[in-house]
């Protein structure tokens, strides 16, 4: 108990609140749903063969099948309408796509659980260098691709399973049903909702793993140099007011130490002499 308490005390559970850890929790949960809904499936359908001779009829033929859907090994006994029974087998082997899908789900569950343990209890060592994040990113890429392939393959396999277990198609395999005097029909169709759910969970896992690629990639540090902001440029000082010196200012050729127009004139040595204009001629006039 003390060991558990120490682990809980040293764990960094806040990592589960950020996308890197939170999405990993969702991957772990959805992987369980994916392989559980497929691997635990078992189905059944019913048919009836009504012979002309009523004593030979069988109105309740049950056919059971289950994961991994090796239907060519599934058989049932059908009446021959001649006083006997004949063993019939279903058609098709769809175990490869189903087992591949379940295998990817199980390994995704195990890896997600291991990655969560590293995130919570050894996240500082995880970030010491980019070796562990690179491995995590590579494995995430592989699982993303595997979920795409396995989900698509199982979706096609499920479509084939539905066709192979359709009672309307199975009754054709019974020789007695080839005669018009005998009436063959379906009684109960198999319930495929669980298998349909498994395909949905498969593609949801694909979305989760693909979406987690970016958050794992950021931990590698490869993108860090490209996310740095550009260096700030030095701003040239603006002139404080008009007419002050600056880096681009020039001396005003019209500026002078005295304001306005100042004509140059010599001091009058004889202030009593003035000039008057008389009939267009300048005549000096003396004043006392």
Protein backbone atom coordinates (compact mmCIF):
# COMPACT_ATOMS: atom_id res chain seq x y z
CA UNK A 1 0.00 0.00 0.00
CA UNK A 2 2.88 2.36 0.79
CA UNK A 3 4.39 1.71 -2.64
CA UNK A 4 1.12 2.64 -4.31
CA UNK A 5 0.91 5.82 -2.26
CA UNK A 6 4.46 6.76 -3.24
CA UNK A 7 3.70 6.22 -6.91
CA UNK A 8 0.59 8.34 -6.67
CA UNK A 9 2.50 11.05 -4.83
CA UNK A 10 5.30 11.18 -7.41
CA UNK A 11 3.00 10.95 -10.42
CA UNK A 12 2.39 13.97 -12.61
CA UNK A 13 -1.32 13.50 -13.22
CA UNK A 14 -1.67 17.01 -14.60
CA UNK A 15 -0.33 15.63 -17.88
CA UNK A 16 -3.75 13.98 -18.30
CA UNK A 17 -5.31 17.43 -18.60
CA UNK A 18 -3.28 18.47 -21.65
CA UNK A 19 -4.00 17.08 -25.14
CA UNK A 20 -0.93 14.80 -25.15
CA UNK A 21 -2.17 12.80 -22.16
CA UNK A 22 -5.92 13.28 -22.53
CA UNK A 23 -6.01 11.92 -26.09
CA UNK A 24 -3.91 8.95 -24.97
CA UNK A 25 -6.58 8.14 -22.37
CA UNK A 26 -9.24 8.25 -25.10
CA UNK A 27 -7.11 5.97 -27.30
CA UNK A 28 -6.85 3.49 -24.45
CA UNK A 29 -10.62 3.48 -23.85
CA UNK A 30 -11.68 3.35 -27.50
CA UNK A 31 -9.23 0.53 -28.22
CA UNK A 32 -11.01 -1.55 -25.57
CA UNK A 33 -14.38 -0.88 -27.17
CA UNK A 34 -13.05 -1.71 -30.64
CA UNK A 35 -11.61 -5.16 -29.95
CA UNK A 36 -14.23 -6.06 -27.35
CA UNK A 37 -17.25 -5.44 -29.59
CA UNK A 38 -15.69 -7.50 -32.37
CA UNK A 39 -13.93 -10.26 -30.44
CA UNK A 40 -16.85 -11.09 -28.16
CA UNK A 41 -19.51 -11.30 -30.87
CA UNK A 42 -21.72 -14.30 -31.39
CA UNK A 43 -24.79 -14.35 -33.59
CA UNK A 44 -27.59 -16.62 -34.68
CA UNK A 45 -30.22 -16.79 -37.37
CA UNK A 46 -33.17 -19.11 -37.97
CA UNK A 47 -34.76 -20.69 -41.03
CA UNK A 48 -37.63 -23.01 -41.72
CA UNK A 49 -38.04 -25.77 -44.28
CA UNK A 50 -41.67 -26.76 -44.81
CA UNK A 51 -41.70 -29.97 -46.81
CA UNK A 52 -44.62 -31.30 -48.79
CA UNK A 53 -44.54 -34.22 -46.43
CA UNK A 54 -45.14 -32.35 -43.16
CA UNK A 55 -43.49 -35.04 -41.10
CA UNK A 56 -40.14 -34.24 -42.69
CA UNK A 57 -40.39 -30.48 -42.12
CA UNK A 58 -38.15 -28.51 -39.78
CA UNK A 59 -39.56 -25.10 -39.01
CA UNK A 60 -36.84 -24.02 -36.57
CA UNK A 61 -33.34 -24.45 -37.96
CA UNK A 62 -30.88 -22.47 -35.82
CA UNK A 63 -27.45 -21.52 -37.15
CA UNK A 64 -24.96 -20.02 -34.69
CA UNK A 65 -21.70 -18.32 -35.65
CA UNK A 66 -19.16 -16.21 -33.81
CA UNK A 67 -15.75 -14.57 -33.93
CA UNK A 68 -13.40 -15.16 -35.79
CA UNK A 69 -16.03 -15.89 -38.47
CA UNK A 70 -14.64 -19.03 -40.06
CA UNK A 71 -18.03 -19.62 -41.59
CA UNK A 72 -16.91 -22.53 -43.74
CA UNK A 73 -16.65 -24.48 -40.47
CA UNK A 74 -20.19 -23.57 -39.36
CA UNK A 75 -22.79 -26.20 -40.24
CA UNK A 76 -26.42 -27.06 -39.63
CA UNK A 77 -28.68 -30.02 -40.36
CA UNK A 78 -31.46 -29.43 -42.87
CA UNK A 79 -34.21 -31.85 -43.87
CA UNK A 80 -34.04 -33.49 -47.26
CA UNK A 81 -37.83 -33.84 -47.36
CA UNK A 82 -37.18 -37.52 -48.09
CA UNK A 83 -37.18 -38.73 -44.54
CA UNK A 84 -33.64 -37.75 -43.61
CA UNK A 85 -31.25 -34.92 -42.61
CA UNK A 86 -28.36 -33.47 -44.57
CA UNK A 87 -25.49 -31.42 -43.13
CA UNK A 88 -24.88 -28.08 -44.79
CA UNK A 89 -21.98 -25.65 -44.32
CA UNK A 90 -21.90 -21.89 -44.64
CA UNK A 91 -19.58 -20.28 -47.15
CA UNK A 92 -16.53 -18.11 -46.54
CA UNK A 93 -13.63 -17.54 -44.15
CA UNK A 94 -13.41 -13.97 -42.87
CA UNK A 95 -11.13 -14.60 -39.91
CA UNK A 96 -8.13 -12.74 -41.34
CA UNK A 97 -9.69 -9.28 -41.36
CA UNK A 98 -11.47 -9.83 -38.04
CA UNK A 99 -8.37 -11.13 -36.25
CA UNK A 100 -6.22 -8.36 -37.72
CA UNK A 101 -8.66 -5.76 -36.44
CA UNK A 102 -8.76 -7.27 -32.95
CA UNK A 103 -4.96 -7.60 -32.85
CA UNK A 104 -4.47 -3.93 -33.66
CA UNK A 105 -6.99 -3.05 -30.97
CA UNK A 106 -5.21 -5.13 -28.33
CA UNK A 107 -1.76 -3.76 -29.16
CA UNK A 108 -3.13 -0.21 -29.21
CA UNK A 109 -4.60 -0.80 -25.77
CA UNK A 110 -1.28 -2.10 -24.42
CA UNK A 111 0.82 0.68 -25.94
CA UNK A 112 -1.56 3.41 -24.77
CA UNK A 113 -1.41 2.03 -21.24
CA UNK A 114 2.41 1.91 -21.32
CA UNK A 115 2.64 5.44 -22.75
CA UNK A 116 0.31 6.76 -20.05
CA UNK A 117 2.51 5.19 -17.38
CA UNK A 118 5.56 6.95 -18.83
CA UNK A 119 3.72 10.27 -19.10
CA UNK A 120 2.55 10.14 -15.48
CA UNK A 121 5.57 8.67 -13.68
CA UNK A 122 8.57 9.45 -15.91
CA UNK A 123 7.66 12.51 -17.94
CA UNK A 124 10.84 14.39 -16.97
CA UNK A 125 13.01 11.57 -18.31
CA UNK A 126 10.74 11.41 -21.37
CA UNK A 127 11.62 15.04 -22.15
CA UNK A 128 15.35 14.87 -21.35
CA UNK A 129 16.11 14.42 -25.04
CA UNK A 130 14.10 13.83 -28.18
CA UNK A 131 14.85 10.10 -28.37
CA UNK A 132 11.76 8.98 -26.45
CA UNK A 133 9.44 11.48 -28.21
CA UNK A 134 10.77 10.34 -31.58
CA UNK A 135 10.03 6.71 -30.70
CA UNK A 136 6.59 7.73 -29.49
CA UNK A 137 5.97 9.65 -32.71
CA UNK A 138 7.09 6.73 -34.87
CA UNK A 139 4.88 4.25 -33.04
CA UNK A 140 1.94 6.66 -33.26
CA UNK A 141 2.43 6.91 -37.03
CA UNK A 142 2.46 3.11 -37.32
CA UNK A 143 -0.71 2.68 -35.29
CA UNK A 144 -2.45 5.43 -37.27
CA UNK A 145 -1.73 3.56 -40.50
CA UNK A 146 -2.67 0.21 -38.97
CA UNK A 147 -6.01 1.52 -37.75
CA UNK A 148 -6.74 2.79 -41.26
CA UNK A 149 -5.90 -0.56 -42.86
CA UNK A 150 -7.55 -2.77 -40.25
CA UNK A 151 -10.75 -0.72 -40.05
CA UNK A 152 -11.14 -0.65 -43.82
CA UNK A 153 -10.41 -4.38 -44.09
CA UNK A 154 -12.83 -5.25 -41.30
CA UNK A 155 -15.55 -3.04 -42.80
CA UNK A 156 -15.25 -5.03 -46.03
CA UNK A 157 -15.10 -8.30 -44.08
CA UNK A 158 -18.22 -7.40 -42.12
CA UNK A 159 -20.07 -6.72 -45.35
CA UNK A 160 -19.13 -10.20 -46.55
CA UNK A 161 -20.17 -11.76 -43.23
CA UNK A 162 -23.59 -10.15 -43.51
CA UNK A 163 -24.05 -11.59 -46.99
CA UNK A 164 -22.85 -15.05 -45.96
CA UNK A 165 -25.21 -15.16 -42.97
CA UNK A 166 -28.27 -13.78 -44.73
CA UNK A 167 -30.98 -16.45 -44.31
CA UNK A 168 -32.37 -15.71 -47.76
CA UNK A 169 -29.00 -16.67 -49.24
CA UNK A 170 -28.41 -19.63 -46.95
CA UNK A 171 -31.67 -21.40 -47.86
CA UNK A 172 -30.41 -21.59 -51.42
CA UNK A 173 -27.73 -24.00 -50.17
CA UNK A 174 -30.40 -26.50 -49.06
CA UNK A 175 -31.18 -28.96 -51.88
CA UNK A 176 -34.76 -29.49 -50.69
CA UNK A 177 -35.45 -25.78 -51.19
CA UNK A 178 -34.76 -26.09 -54.90
CA UNK A 179 -38.07 -27.89 -55.35
CA UNK A 180 -41.13 -25.69 -55.69
CA UNK A 181 -43.24 -28.07 -53.62
CA UNK A 182 -41.16 -27.30 -50.52
CA UNK A 183 -41.40 -23.89 -48.83
CA UNK A 184 -38.20 -22.42 -47.34
CA UNK A 185 -38.04 -19.05 -45.65
CA UNK A 186 -36.16 -17.08 -43.02
CA UNK A 187 -37.46 -16.84 -39.48
CA UNK A 188 -34.94 -14.61 -37.72
CA UNK A 189 -32.12 -12.43 -39.02
CA UNK A 190 -28.81 -12.15 -37.15
CA UNK A 191 -28.29 -9.03 -35.03
CA UNK A 192 -25.25 -7.17 -36.36
CA UNK A 193 -25.40 -3.99 -34.28
CA UNK A 194 -22.39 -5.03 -32.19
CA UNK A 195 -20.25 -5.59 -35.27
CA UNK A 196 -21.38 -2.31 -36.79
CA UNK A 197 -20.29 -0.59 -33.58
CA UNK A 198 -16.86 -2.20 -33.81
CA UNK A 199 -16.31 -0.66 -37.24
CA UNK A 200 -17.35 2.75 -35.91
CA UNK A 201 -14.89 2.43 -33.03
CA UNK A 202 -12.20 1.41 -35.49
CA UNK A 203 -12.50 4.62 -37.48
CA UNK A 204 -12.81 6.67 -34.28
CA UNK A 205 -9.48 5.20 -33.20
CA UNK A 206 -8.05 6.23 -36.55
CA UNK A 207 -9.18 9.83 -35.95
CA UNK A 208 -7.76 9.85 -32.42
CA UNK A 209 -4.36 8.49 -33.39
CA UNK A 210 -4.10 10.79 -36.40
CA UNK A 211 -5.06 13.79 -34.29
CA UNK A 212 -2.49 12.89 -31.64
CA UNK A 213 0.33 12.95 -34.19
CA UNK A 214 0.72 16.72 -33.92
CA UNK A 215 0.91 16.79 -30.12
CA UNK A 216 3.49 13.98 -30.05
CA UNK A 217 5.46 15.63 -32.85
CA UNK A 218 5.75 18.86 -30.86
CA UNK A 219 7.51 16.94 -28.06
CA UNK A 220 10.30 15.92 -30.44
CA UNK A 221 11.56 19.51 -30.62
CA UNK A 222 11.92 19.39 -34.40
CA UNK A 223 9.35 22.10 -34.91
CA UNK A 224 10.74 24.39 -32.17
CA UNK A 225 13.23 26.36 -34.35
CA UNK A 226 10.47 27.16 -36.84
CA UNK A 227 8.15 28.50 -34.15
CA UNK A 228 10.55 31.11 -32.74
CA UNK A 229 9.39 34.72 -33.25
CA UNK A 230 11.54 36.89 -35.58
CA UNK A 231 13.98 39.31 -33.87
CA UNK A 232 12.61 42.77 -33.18
CA UNK A 233 13.88 45.51 -35.51
CA UNK A 234 15.34 48.71 -34.07
CA UNK A 235 13.07 51.67 -34.60
CA UNK A 236 14.61 54.92 -35.82
CA UNK A 237 14.00 57.84 -33.44
CA UNK A 238 11.52 60.33 -34.82
CA UNK A 239 12.34 64.10 -34.78
CA UNK A 240 10.86 65.80 -31.74
CA UNK A 241 9.79 68.99 -33.47
CA UNK A 242 10.09 70.86 -36.74
CA UNK A 243 13.38 72.60 -37.31
CA UNK A 244 15.47 70.46 -34.85
CA UNK A 245 18.53 68.52 -35.94
CA UNK A 246 18.00 64.91 -36.86
CA UNK A 247 19.64 62.28 -38.99
CA UNK A 248 17.76 63.49 -42.09
CA UNK A 249 17.42 67.24 -41.28
CA UNK A 250 19.08 69.91 -43.41
CA UNK A 251 19.94 73.45 -42.57
CA UNK A 252 17.24 75.88 -43.58
CA UNK A 253 18.83 78.30 -46.07
CA UNK A 254 16.23 80.90 -45.17
CA UNK A 255 16.76 80.64 -41.43
CA UNK A 256 18.90 83.29 -39.68
CA UNK A 257 19.64 84.42 -36.21
CA UNK A 258 17.22 87.32 -36.61
CA UNK A 259 13.60 86.97 -37.52
CA UNK A 260 12.12 88.48 -40.72
CA UNK A 261 13.93 90.41 -43.47
CA UNK A 262 16.83 92.47 -42.17
CA UNK A 263 18.35 94.76 -44.84
CA UNK A 264 21.93 95.73 -44.44
CA UNK A 265 22.39 99.49 -44.08
CA UNK A 266 25.25 101.65 -42.97
CA UNK A 267 24.79 104.13 -40.13
CA UNK A 268 24.08 107.65 -41.32
CA UNK A 269 27.08 109.84 -40.45
CA UNK A 270 25.09 112.98 -41.19
CA UNK A 271 21.61 112.43 -39.81
CA UNK A 272 20.62 116.00 -40.72
CA UNK A 273 20.90 115.29 -44.41
CA UNK A 274 17.96 113.79 -46.15
CA UNK A 275 17.04 113.20 -49.76
CA UNK A 276 13.86 114.40 -51.32
CA UNK A 277 12.41 113.67 -54.72
CA UNK A 278 11.40 116.77 -56.64
CA UNK A 279 10.08 116.42 -60.16
CA UNK A 280 11.70 113.03 -60.58
CA UNK A 281 15.11 114.18 -59.35
CA UNK A 282 16.74 113.47 -56.05
CA UNK A 283 17.59 116.74 -54.31
CA UNK A 284 19.50 116.76 -51.01
CA UNK A 285 17.76 118.70 -48.31
CA UNK A 286 19.46 119.81 -45.14
CA UNK A 287 17.65 120.07 -41.85
CA UNK A 288 18.92 122.02 -38.94
